[in-house]
Amino acid sequence: MFVAVITIDLQIPMAQSLKDKRRVIKSLTDKCKNRFNVAVAEVDNKDLWKNAKLGLVTITGDRRYLEKVINKIIKYIESFPEINLYNYDIDYY
């Protein structure tokens, strides 16, 4: 069994309020959950308008498959035009 924990730092430059930020984050987290079957939560910077930190967790029995999924998740998040992904960290267990 292999577990990956991804911590992602995001910037949402167009957000003018917490409501704008939450709309973008909600959309992103829902799409990641549905598309990749991962657990996603906003874990820090909850009161900042332009920044967010997300935590994603996934588990599988195949390490290579896990790495493929992680790479797809990172590329998918980078493809959102309203989000700048400026840092991420991956921990394997």
PDB file of N, CA and C in Angstrom:
ATOM      1  N   MET A   1       0.838  -1.170   0.000  1.00  0.00           N
ATOM      2  CA  MET A   1       0.000   0.000   0.000  1.00  0.00           C
ATOM      3  C   MET A   1       0.889   1.242   0.000  1.00  0.00           C
ATOM      4  N   PHE A   2       0.574   2.168  -0.880  1.00  0.00           N
ATOM      5  CA  PHE A   2       1.336   3.411  -1.009  1.00  0.00           C
ATOM      6  C   PHE A   2       0.387   4.600  -0.840  1.00  0.00           C
ATOM      7  N   VAL A   3       0.849   5.582  -0.076  1.00  0.00           N
ATOM      8  CA  VAL A   3       0.069   6.778   0.198  1.00  0.00           C
ATOM      9  C   VAL A   3       0.899   7.983  -0.222  1.00  0.00           C
ATOM     10  N   ALA A   4       0.264   8.927  -0.876  1.00  0.00           N
ATOM     11  CA  ALA A   4       0.919  10.191  -1.234  1.00  0.00           C
ATOM     12  C   ALA A   4       0.125  11.340  -0.637  1.00  0.00           C
ATOM     13  N   VAL A   5       0.856  12.250  -0.017  1.00  0.00           N
ATOM     14  CA  VAL A   5       0.271  13.473   0.520  1.00  0.00           C
ATOM     15  C   VAL A   5       0.898  14.632  -0.235  1.00  0.00           C
ATOM     16  N   ILE A   6       0.074  15.422  -0.889  1.00  0.00           N
ATOM     17  CA  ILE A   6       0.544  16.557  -1.682  1.00  0.00           C
ATOM     18  C   ILE A   6       0.066  17.837  -1.007  1.00  0.00           C
ATOM     19  N   THR A   7       0.993  18.736  -0.754  1.00  0.00           N
ATOM     20  CA  THR A   7       0.664  20.052  -0.225  1.00  0.00           C
ATOM     21  C   THR A   7       0.930  21.060  -1.332  1.00  0.00           C
ATOM     22  N   ILE A   8      -0.084  21.831  -1.688  1.00  0.00           N
ATOM     23  CA  ILE A   8       0.000  22.735  -2.827  1.00  0.00           C
ATOM     24  C   ILE A   8      -0.258  24.167  -2.371  1.00  0.00           C
ATOM     25  N   ASP A   9       0.647  25.064  -2.725  1.00  0.00           N
ATOM     26  CA  ASP A   9       0.481  26.495  -2.454  1.00  0.00           C
ATOM     27  C   ASP A   9      -0.011  27.171  -3.722  1.00  0.00           C
ATOM     28  N   LEU A  10      -1.134  27.866  -3.598  1.00  0.00           N
ATOM     29  CA  LEU A  10      -1.769  28.502  -4.744  1.00  0.00           C
ATOM     30  C   LEU A  10      -1.900  29.997  -4.529  1.00  0.00           C
ATOM     31  N   GLN A  11      -1.927  30.692  -5.641  1.00  0.00           N
ATOM     32  CA  GLN A  11      -2.219  32.109  -5.641  1.00  0.00           C
ATOM     33  C   GLN A  11      -3.432  32.310  -6.554  1.00  0.00           C
ATOM     34  N   ILE A  12      -4.357  33.128  -6.119  1.00  0.00           N
ATOM     35  CA  ILE A  12      -5.559  33.418  -6.891  1.00  0.00           C
ATOM     36  C   ILE A  12      -5.574  34.924  -7.131  1.00  0.00           C
ATOM     37  N   PRO A  13      -4.858  35.394  -8.164  1.00  0.00           N
ATOM     38  CA  PRO A  13      -4.646  36.825  -8.336  1.00  0.00           C
ATOM     39  C   PRO A  13      -5.908  37.643  -8.598  1.00  0.00           C
ATOM     40  N   MET A  14      -6.922  37.053  -9.192  1.00  0.00           N
ATOM     41  CA  MET A  14      -8.125  37.811  -9.543  1.00  0.00           C
ATOM     42  C   MET A  14      -9.132  37.894  -8.402  1.00  0.00           C
ATOM     43  N   ALA A  15      -8.900  37.189  -7.294  1.00  0.00           N
ATOM     44  CA  ALA A  15      -9.845  37.208  -6.172  1.00  0.00           C
ATOM     45  C   ALA A  15      -9.880  38.590  -5.534  1.00  0.00           C
ATOM     46  N   GLN A  16     -11.071  39.112  -5.371  1.00  0.00           N
ATOM     47  CA  GLN A  16     -11.260  40.411  -4.740  1.00  0.00           C
ATOM     48  C   GLN A  16     -11.859  40.289  -3.343  1.00  0.00           C
ATOM     49  N   SER A  17     -12.202  39.053  -2.959  1.00  0.00           N
ATOM     50  CA  SER A  17     -12.798  38.822  -1.646  1.00  0.00           C
ATOM     51  C   SER A  17     -12.631  37.352  -1.284  1.00  0.00           C
ATOM     52  N   LEU A  18     -12.944  37.025  -0.041  1.00  0.00           N
ATOM     53  CA  LEU A  18     -12.916  35.616   0.369  1.00  0.00           C
ATOM     54  C   LEU A  18     -13.960  34.808  -0.406  1.00  0.00           C
ATOM     55  N   LYS A  19     -15.050  35.446  -0.755  1.00  0.00           N
ATOM     56  CA  LYS A  19     -16.096  34.768  -1.533  1.00  0.00           C
ATOM     57  C   LYS A  19     -15.559  34.351  -2.909  1.00  0.00           C
ATOM     58  N   ASP A  20     -14.825  35.224  -3.555  1.00  0.00           N
ATOM     59  CA  ASP A  20     -14.204  34.889  -4.849  1.00  0.00           C
ATOM     60  C   ASP A  20     -13.239  33.725  -4.688  1.00  0.00           C
ATOM     61  N   LYS A  21     -12.409  33.819  -3.666  1.00  0.00           N
ATOM     62  CA  LYS A  21     -11.425  32.760  -3.421  1.00  0.00           C
ATOM     63  C   LYS A  21     -12.124  31.428  -3.174  1.00  0.00           C
ATOM     64  N   ARG A  22     -13.122  31.432  -2.330  1.00  0.00           N
ATOM     65  CA  ARG A  22     -13.812  30.176  -1.993  1.00  0.00           C
ATOM     66  C   ARG A  22     -14.520  29.568  -3.195  1.00  0.00           C
ATOM     67  N   ARG A  23     -15.025  30.411  -4.082  1.00  0.00           N
ATOM     68  CA  ARG A  23     -15.661  29.911  -5.309  1.00  0.00           C
ATOM     69  C   ARG A  23     -14.649  29.152  -6.161  1.00  0.00           C
ATOM     70  N   VAL A  24     -13.462  29.725  -6.326  1.00  0.00           N
ATOM     71  CA  VAL A  24     -12.417  29.098  -7.128  1.00  0.00           C
ATOM     72  C   VAL A  24     -11.929  27.810  -6.461  1.00  0.00           C
ATOM     73  N   ILE A  25     -11.676  27.872  -5.162  1.00  0.00           N
ATOM     74  CA  ILE A  25     -11.176  26.698  -4.431  1.00  0.00           C
ATOM     75  C   ILE A  25     -12.216  25.581  -4.433  1.00  0.00           C
ATOM     76  N   LYS A  26     -13.476  25.917  -4.233  1.00  0.00           N
ATOM     77  CA  LYS A  26     -14.543  24.909  -4.238  1.00  0.00           C
ATOM     78  C   LYS A  26     -14.617  24.210  -5.592  1.00  0.00           C
ATOM     79  N   SER A  27     -14.547  24.976  -6.656  1.00  0.00           N
ATOM     80  CA  SER A  27     -14.573  24.403  -7.995  1.00  0.00           C
ATOM     81  C   SER A  27     -13.388  23.467  -8.214  1.00  0.00           C
ATOM     82  N   LEU A  28     -12.210  23.933  -7.838  1.00  0.00           N
ATOM     83  CA  LEU A  28     -10.998  23.133  -8.008  1.00  0.00           C
ATOM     84  C   LEU A  28     -11.051  21.844  -7.194  1.00  0.00           C
ATOM     85  N   THR A  29     -11.421  21.934  -5.932  1.00  0.00           N
ATOM     86  CA  THR A  29     -11.441  20.739  -5.082  1.00  0.00           C
ATOM     87  C   THR A  29     -12.482  19.734  -5.561  1.00  0.00           C
ATOM     88  N   ASP A  30     -13.657  20.208  -5.943  1.00  0.00           N
ATOM     89  CA  ASP A  30     -14.691  19.292  -6.445  1.00  0.00           C
ATOM     90  C   ASP A  30     -14.240  18.581  -7.712  1.00  0.00           C
ATOM     91  N   LYS A  31     -13.627  19.321  -8.619  1.00  0.00           N
ATOM     92  CA  LYS A  31     -13.164  18.710  -9.869  1.00  0.00           C
ATOM     93  C   LYS A  31     -12.048  17.698  -9.621  1.00  0.00           C
ATOM     94  N   CYS A  32     -11.137  17.996  -8.707  1.00  0.00           N
ATOM     95  CA  CYS A  32     -10.060  17.043  -8.385  1.00  0.00           C
ATOM     96  C   CYS A  32     -10.617  15.779  -7.741  1.00  0.00           C
ATOM     97  N   LYS A  33     -11.564  15.947  -6.828  1.00  0.00           N
ATOM     98  CA  LYS A  33     -12.181  14.787  -6.175  1.00  0.00           C
ATOM     99  C   LYS A  33     -12.854  13.879  -7.197  1.00  0.00           C
ATOM    100  N   ASN A  34     -13.614  14.472  -8.094  1.00  0.00           N
ATOM    101  CA  ASN A  34     -14.361  13.690  -9.074  1.00  0.00           C
ATOM    102  C   ASN A  34     -13.468  13.069 -10.139  1.00  0.00           C
ATOM    103  N   ARG A  35     -12.467  13.811 -10.571  1.00  0.00           N
ATOM    104  CA  ARG A  35     -11.631  13.348 -11.673  1.00  0.00           C
ATOM    105  C   ARG A  35     -10.579  12.328 -11.236  1.00  0.00           C
ATOM    106  N   PHE A  36      -9.988  12.530 -10.038  1.00  0.00           N
ATOM    107  CA  PHE A  36      -8.859  11.700  -9.617  1.00  0.00           C
ATOM    108  C   PHE A  36      -9.147  10.834  -8.396  1.00  0.00           C
ATOM    109  N   ASN A  37     -10.323  10.942  -7.824  1.00  0.00           N
ATOM    110  CA  ASN A  37     -10.688  10.165  -6.646  1.00  0.00           C
ATOM    111  C   ASN A  37      -9.681  10.357  -5.512  1.00  0.00           C
ATOM    112  N   VAL A  38      -9.444  11.605  -5.166  1.00  0.00           N
ATOM    113  CA  VAL A  38      -8.526  11.953  -4.080  1.00  0.00           C
ATOM    114  C   VAL A  38      -9.292  12.724  -3.006  1.00  0.00           C
ATOM    115  N   ALA A  39      -8.735  12.742  -1.809  1.00  0.00           N
ATOM    116  CA  ALA A  39      -9.278  13.580  -0.747  1.00  0.00           C
ATOM    117  C   ALA A  39      -8.583  14.934  -0.829  1.00  0.00           C
ATOM    118  N   VAL A  40      -9.354  16.013  -0.783  1.00  0.00           N
ATOM    119  CA  VAL A  40      -8.805  17.363  -0.923  1.00  0.00           C
ATOM    120  C   VAL A  40      -9.406  18.261   0.148  1.00  0.00           C
ATOM    121  N   ALA A  41      -8.549  19.104   0.736  1.00  0.00           N
ATOM    122  CA  ALA A  41      -9.033  20.084   1.712  1.00  0.00           C
ATOM    123  C   ALA A  41      -8.131  21.305   1.693  1.00  0.00           C
ATOM    124  N   GLU A  42      -8.725  22.454   1.998  1.00  0.00           N
ATOM    125  CA  GLU A  42      -7.923  23.660   2.198  1.00  0.00           C
ATOM    126  C   GLU A  42      -7.371  23.574   3.612  1.00  0.00           C
ATOM    127  N   VAL A  43      -6.051  23.592   3.746  1.00  0.00           N
ATOM    128  CA  VAL A  43      -5.427  23.315   5.039  1.00  0.00           C
ATOM    129  C   VAL A  43      -4.774  24.531   5.691  1.00  0.00           C
ATOM    130  N   ASP A  44      -4.615  25.629   4.971  1.00  0.00           N
ATOM    131  CA  ASP A  44      -3.992  26.820   5.551  1.00  0.00           C
ATOM    132  C   ASP A  44      -4.361  28.039   4.709  1.00  0.00           C
ATOM    133  N   ASN A  45      -4.046  29.210   5.216  1.00  0.00           N
ATOM    134  CA  ASN A  45      -4.321  30.487   4.536  1.00  0.00           C
ATOM    135  C   ASN A  45      -5.806  30.686   4.254  1.00  0.00           C
ATOM    136  N   LYS A  46      -6.655  30.220   5.141  1.00  0.00           N
ATOM    137  CA  LYS A  46      -8.098  30.287   4.905  1.00  0.00           C
ATOM    138  C   LYS A  46      -8.649  31.708   4.925  1.00  0.00           C
ATOM    139  N   ASP A  47      -7.974  32.622   5.604  1.00  0.00           N
ATOM    140  CA  ASP A  47      -8.483  33.991   5.700  1.00  0.00           C
ATOM    141  C   ASP A  47      -7.790  34.961   4.745  1.00  0.00           C
ATOM    142  N   LEU A  48      -6.923  34.465   3.897  1.00  0.00           N
ATOM    143  CA  LEU A  48      -6.245  35.314   2.916  1.00  0.00           C
ATOM    144  C   LEU A  48      -7.000  35.251   1.592  1.00  0.00           C
ATOM    145  N   TRP A  49      -7.215  36.395   0.969  1.00  0.00           N
ATOM    146  CA  TRP A  49      -7.979  36.448  -0.281  1.00  0.00           C
ATOM    147  C   TRP A  49      -7.258  35.824  -1.450  1.00  0.00           C
ATOM    148  N   LYS A  50      -5.981  36.055  -1.543  1.00  0.00           N
ATOM    149  CA  LYS A  50      -5.248  35.711  -2.763  1.00  0.00           C
ATOM    150  C   LYS A  50      -4.416  34.442  -2.664  1.00  0.00           C
ATOM    151  N   ASN A  51      -4.330  33.835  -1.482  1.00  0.00           N
ATOM    152  CA  ASN A  51      -3.494  32.644  -1.310  1.00  0.00           C
ATOM    153  C   ASN A  51      -4.298  31.512  -0.689  1.00  0.00           C
ATOM    154  N   ALA A  52      -3.898  30.289  -1.035  1.00  0.00           N
ATOM    155  CA  ALA A  52      -4.530  29.105  -0.464  1.00  0.00           C
ATOM    156  C   ALA A  52      -3.500  27.992  -0.385  1.00  0.00           C
ATOM    157  N   LYS A  53      -3.683  27.128   0.567  1.00  0.00           N
ATOM    158  CA  LYS A  53      -2.853  25.926   0.673  1.00  0.00           C
ATOM    159  C   LYS A  53      -3.804  24.740   0.719  1.00  0.00           C
ATOM    160  N   LEU A  54      -3.637  23.847  -0.237  1.00  0.00           N
ATOM    161  CA  LEU A  54      -4.474  22.656  -0.310  1.00  0.00           C
ATOM    162  C   LEU A  54      -3.668  21.430   0.076  1.00  0.00           C
ATOM    163  N   GLY A  55      -4.347  20.478   0.672  1.00  0.00           N
ATOM    164  CA  GLY A  55      -3.765  19.175   0.948  1.00  0.00           C
ATOM    165  C   GLY A  55      -4.557  18.130   0.185  1.00  0.00           C
ATOM    166  N   LEU A  56      -3.848  17.269  -0.533  1.00  0.00           N
ATOM    167  CA  LEU A  56      -4.482  16.192  -1.283  1.00  0.00           C
ATOM    168  C   LEU A  56      -3.865  14.880  -0.832  1.00  0.00           C
ATOM    169  N   VAL A  57      -4.694  13.853  -0.708  1.00  0.00           N
ATOM    170  CA  VAL A  57      -4.208  12.542  -0.295  1.00  0.00           C
ATOM    171  C   VAL A  57      -4.795  11.498  -1.227  1.00  0.00           C
ATOM    172  N   THR A  58      -3.950  10.566  -1.633  1.00  0.00           N
ATOM    173  CA  THR A  58      -4.420   9.436  -2.425  1.00  0.00           C
ATOM    174  C   THR A  58      -3.665   8.182  -1.984  1.00  0.00           C
ATOM    175  N   ILE A  59      -4.275   7.038  -2.203  1.00  0.00           N
ATOM    176  CA  ILE A  59      -3.715   5.771  -1.779  1.00  0.00           C
ATOM    177  C   ILE A  59      -3.950   4.733  -2.872  1.00  0.00           C
ATOM    178  N   THR A  60      -2.969   3.875  -3.079  1.00  0.00           N
ATOM    179  CA  THR A  60      -3.083   2.821  -4.088  1.00  0.00           C
ATOM    180  C   THR A  60      -2.097   1.699  -3.754  1.00  0.00           C
ATOM    181  N   GLY A  61      -2.188   0.633  -4.487  1.00  0.00           N
ATOM    182  CA  GLY A  61      -1.299  -0.499  -4.273  1.00  0.00           C
ATOM    183  C   GLY A  61      -0.092  -0.507  -5.191  1.00  0.00           C
ATOM    184  N   ASP A  62      -0.028   0.415  -6.144  1.00  0.00           N
ATOM    185  CA  ASP A  62       1.045   0.453  -7.139  1.00  0.00           C
ATOM    186  C   ASP A  62       1.749   1.807  -7.111  1.00  0.00           C
ATOM    187  N   ARG A  63       3.036   1.795  -6.814  1.00  0.00           N
ATOM    188  CA  ARG A  63       3.806   3.040  -6.679  1.00  0.00           C
ATOM    189  C   ARG A  63       3.864   3.806  -8.001  1.00  0.00           C
ATOM    190  N   ARG A  64       4.078   3.109  -9.117  1.00  0.00           N
ATOM    191  CA  ARG A  64       4.158   3.801 -10.411  1.00  0.00           C
ATOM    192  C   ARG A  64       2.838   4.474 -10.773  1.00  0.00           C
ATOM    193  N   TYR A  65       1.746   3.795 -10.502  1.00  0.00           N
ATOM    194  CA  TYR A  65       0.438   4.379 -10.760  1.00  0.00           C
ATOM    195  C   TYR A  65       0.231   5.621  -9.896  1.00  0.00           C
ATOM    196  N   LEU A  66       0.665   5.540  -8.647  1.00  0.00           N
ATOM    197  CA  LEU A  66       0.554   6.675  -7.729  1.00  0.00           C
ATOM    198  C   LEU A  66       1.300   7.893  -8.265  1.00  0.00           C
ATOM    199  N   GLU A  67       2.513   7.686  -8.754  1.00  0.00           N
ATOM    200  CA  GLU A  67       3.306   8.786  -9.311  1.00  0.00           C
ATOM    201  C   GLU A  67       2.656   9.373 -10.556  1.00  0.00           C
ATOM    202  N   LYS A  68       2.053   8.535 -11.395  1.00  0.00           N
ATOM    203  CA  LYS A  68       1.343   9.027 -12.580  1.00  0.00           C
ATOM    204  C   LYS A  68       0.160   9.905 -12.188  1.00  0.00           C
ATOM    205  N   VAL A  69      -0.601   9.453 -11.211  1.00  0.00           N
ATOM    206  CA  VAL A  69      -1.765  10.218 -10.761  1.00  0.00           C
ATOM    207  C   VAL A  69      -1.325  11.566 -10.195  1.00  0.00           C
ATOM    208  N   ILE A  70      -0.274  11.564  -9.404  1.00  0.00           N
ATOM    209  CA  ILE A  70       0.222  12.819  -8.824  1.00  0.00           C
ATOM    210  C   ILE A  70       0.636  13.795  -9.919  1.00  0.00           C
ATOM    211  N   ASN A  71       1.360  13.317 -10.900  1.00  0.00           N
ATOM    212  CA  ASN A  71       1.772  14.191 -12.006  1.00  0.00           C
ATOM    213  C   ASN A  71       0.567  14.745 -12.762  1.00  0.00           C
ATOM    214  N   LYS A  72      -0.452  13.920 -12.964  1.00  0.00           N
ATOM    215  CA  LYS A  72      -1.662  14.382 -13.648  1.00  0.00           C
ATOM    216  C   LYS A  72      -2.396  15.432 -12.821  1.00  0.00           C
ATOM    217  N   ILE A  73      -2.432  15.243 -11.512  1.00  0.00           N
ATOM    218  CA  ILE A  73      -3.092  16.214 -10.632  1.00  0.00           C
ATOM    219  C   ILE A  73      -2.384  17.561 -10.706  1.00  0.00           C
ATOM    220  N   ILE A  74      -1.061  17.547 -10.620  1.00  0.00           N
ATOM    221  CA  ILE A  74      -0.285  18.797 -10.672  1.00  0.00           C
ATOM    222  C   ILE A  74      -0.531  19.511 -12.005  1.00  0.00           C
ATOM    223  N   LYS A  75      -0.459  18.784 -13.108  1.00  0.00           N
ATOM    224  CA  LYS A  75      -0.693  19.398 -14.417  1.00  0.00           C
ATOM    225  C   LYS A  75      -2.119  19.923 -14.549  1.00  0.00           C
ATOM    226  N   TYR A  76      -3.067  19.194 -13.998  1.00  0.00           N
ATOM    227  CA  TYR A  76      -4.459  19.615 -14.059  1.00  0.00           C
ATOM    228  C   TYR A  76      -4.653  20.927 -13.305  1.00  0.00           C
ATOM    229  N   ILE A  77      -4.100  21.025 -12.113  1.00  0.00           N
ATOM    230  CA  ILE A  77      -4.233  22.253 -11.320  1.00  0.00           C
ATOM    231  C   ILE A  77      -3.528  23.415 -12.019  1.00  0.00           C
ATOM    232  N   GLU A  78      -2.382  23.153 -12.616  1.00  0.00           N
ATOM    233  CA  GLU A  78      -1.664  24.210 -13.348  1.00  0.00           C
ATOM    234  C   GLU A  78      -2.456  24.707 -14.559  1.00  0.00           C
ATOM    235  N   SER A  79      -3.367  23.896 -15.072  1.00  0.00           N
ATOM    236  CA  SER A  79      -4.134  24.283 -16.256  1.00  0.00           C
ATOM    237  C   SER A  79      -5.265  25.270 -15.953  1.00  0.00           C
ATOM    238  N   PHE A  80      -5.606  25.472 -14.688  1.00  0.00           N
ATOM    239  CA  PHE A  80      -6.656  26.421 -14.332  1.00  0.00           C
ATOM    240  C   PHE A  80      -6.149  27.835 -14.566  1.00  0.00           C
ATOM    241  N   PRO A  81      -6.818  28.623 -15.406  1.00  0.00           N
ATOM    242  CA  PRO A  81      -6.314  29.968 -15.723  1.00  0.00           C
ATOM    243  C   PRO A  81      -6.382  30.947 -14.553  1.00  0.00           C
ATOM    244  N   GLU A  82      -7.299  30.721 -13.611  1.00  0.00           N
ATOM    245  CA  GLU A  82      -7.447  31.669 -12.507  1.00  0.00           C
ATOM    246  C   GLU A  82      -6.555  31.356 -11.308  1.00  0.00           C
ATOM    247  N   ILE A  83      -5.712  30.326 -11.445  1.00  0.00           N
ATOM    248  CA  ILE A  83      -4.865  29.886 -10.335  1.00  0.00           C
ATOM    249  C   ILE A  83      -3.407  29.855 -10.768  1.00  0.00           C
ATOM    250  N   ASN A  84      -2.527  30.320  -9.875  1.00  0.00           N
ATOM    251  CA  ASN A  84      -1.079  30.164 -10.059  1.00  0.00           C
ATOM    252  C   ASN A  84      -0.573  29.197  -9.002  1.00  0.00           C
ATOM    253  N   LEU A  85      -0.092  28.045  -9.431  1.00  0.00           N
ATOM    254  CA  LEU A  85       0.503  27.089  -8.519  1.00  0.00           C
ATOM    255  C   LEU A  85       1.974  27.467  -8.399  1.00  0.00           C
ATOM    256  N   TYR A  86       2.405  27.909  -7.222  1.00  0.00           N
ATOM    257  CA  TYR A  86       3.785  28.366  -7.100  1.00  0.00           C
ATOM    258  C   TYR A  86       4.655  27.464  -6.258  1.00  0.00           C
ATOM    259  N   ASN A  87       4.075  26.468  -5.583  1.00  0.00           N
ATOM    260  CA  ASN A  87       4.895  25.536  -4.823  1.00  0.00           C
ATOM    261  C   ASN A  87       4.068  24.288  -4.497  1.00  0.00           C
ATOM    262  N   TYR A  88       4.728  23.149  -4.483  1.00  0.00           N
ATOM    263  CA  TYR A  88       4.063  21.930  -4.011  1.00  0.00           C
ATOM    264  C   TYR A  88       5.110  21.001  -3.413  1.00  0.00           C
ATOM    265  N   ASP A  89       4.635  20.159  -2.507  1.00  0.00           N
ATOM    266  CA  ASP A  89       5.498  19.211  -1.817  1.00  0.00           C
ATOM    267  C   ASP A  89       4.777  17.872  -1.785  1.00  0.00           C
ATOM    268  N   ILE A  90       5.508  16.800  -2.091  1.00  0.00           N
ATOM    269  CA  ILE A  90       4.921  15.466  -2.126  1.00  0.00           C
ATOM    270  C   ILE A  90       5.639  14.603  -1.098  1.00  0.00           C
ATOM    271  N   ASP A  91       4.874  13.957  -0.249  1.00  0.00           N
ATOM    272  CA  ASP A  91       5.406  13.008   0.731  1.00  0.00           C
ATOM    273  C   ASP A  91       4.801  11.643   0.455  1.00  0.00           C
ATOM    274  N   TYR A  92       5.639  10.628   0.440  1.00  0.00           N
ATOM    275  CA  TYR A  92       5.187   9.250   0.228  1.00  0.00           C
ATOM    276  C   TYR A  92       5.285   8.470   1.537  1.00  0.00           C
ATOM    277  N   TYR A  93       4.312   7.630   1.751  1.00  0.00           N
ATOM    278  CA  TYR A  93       4.319   6.769   2.945  1.00  0.00           C
ATOM    279  C   TYR A  93       4.037   5.338   2.541  1.00  0.00           C
TER     280      TYR A  93
END
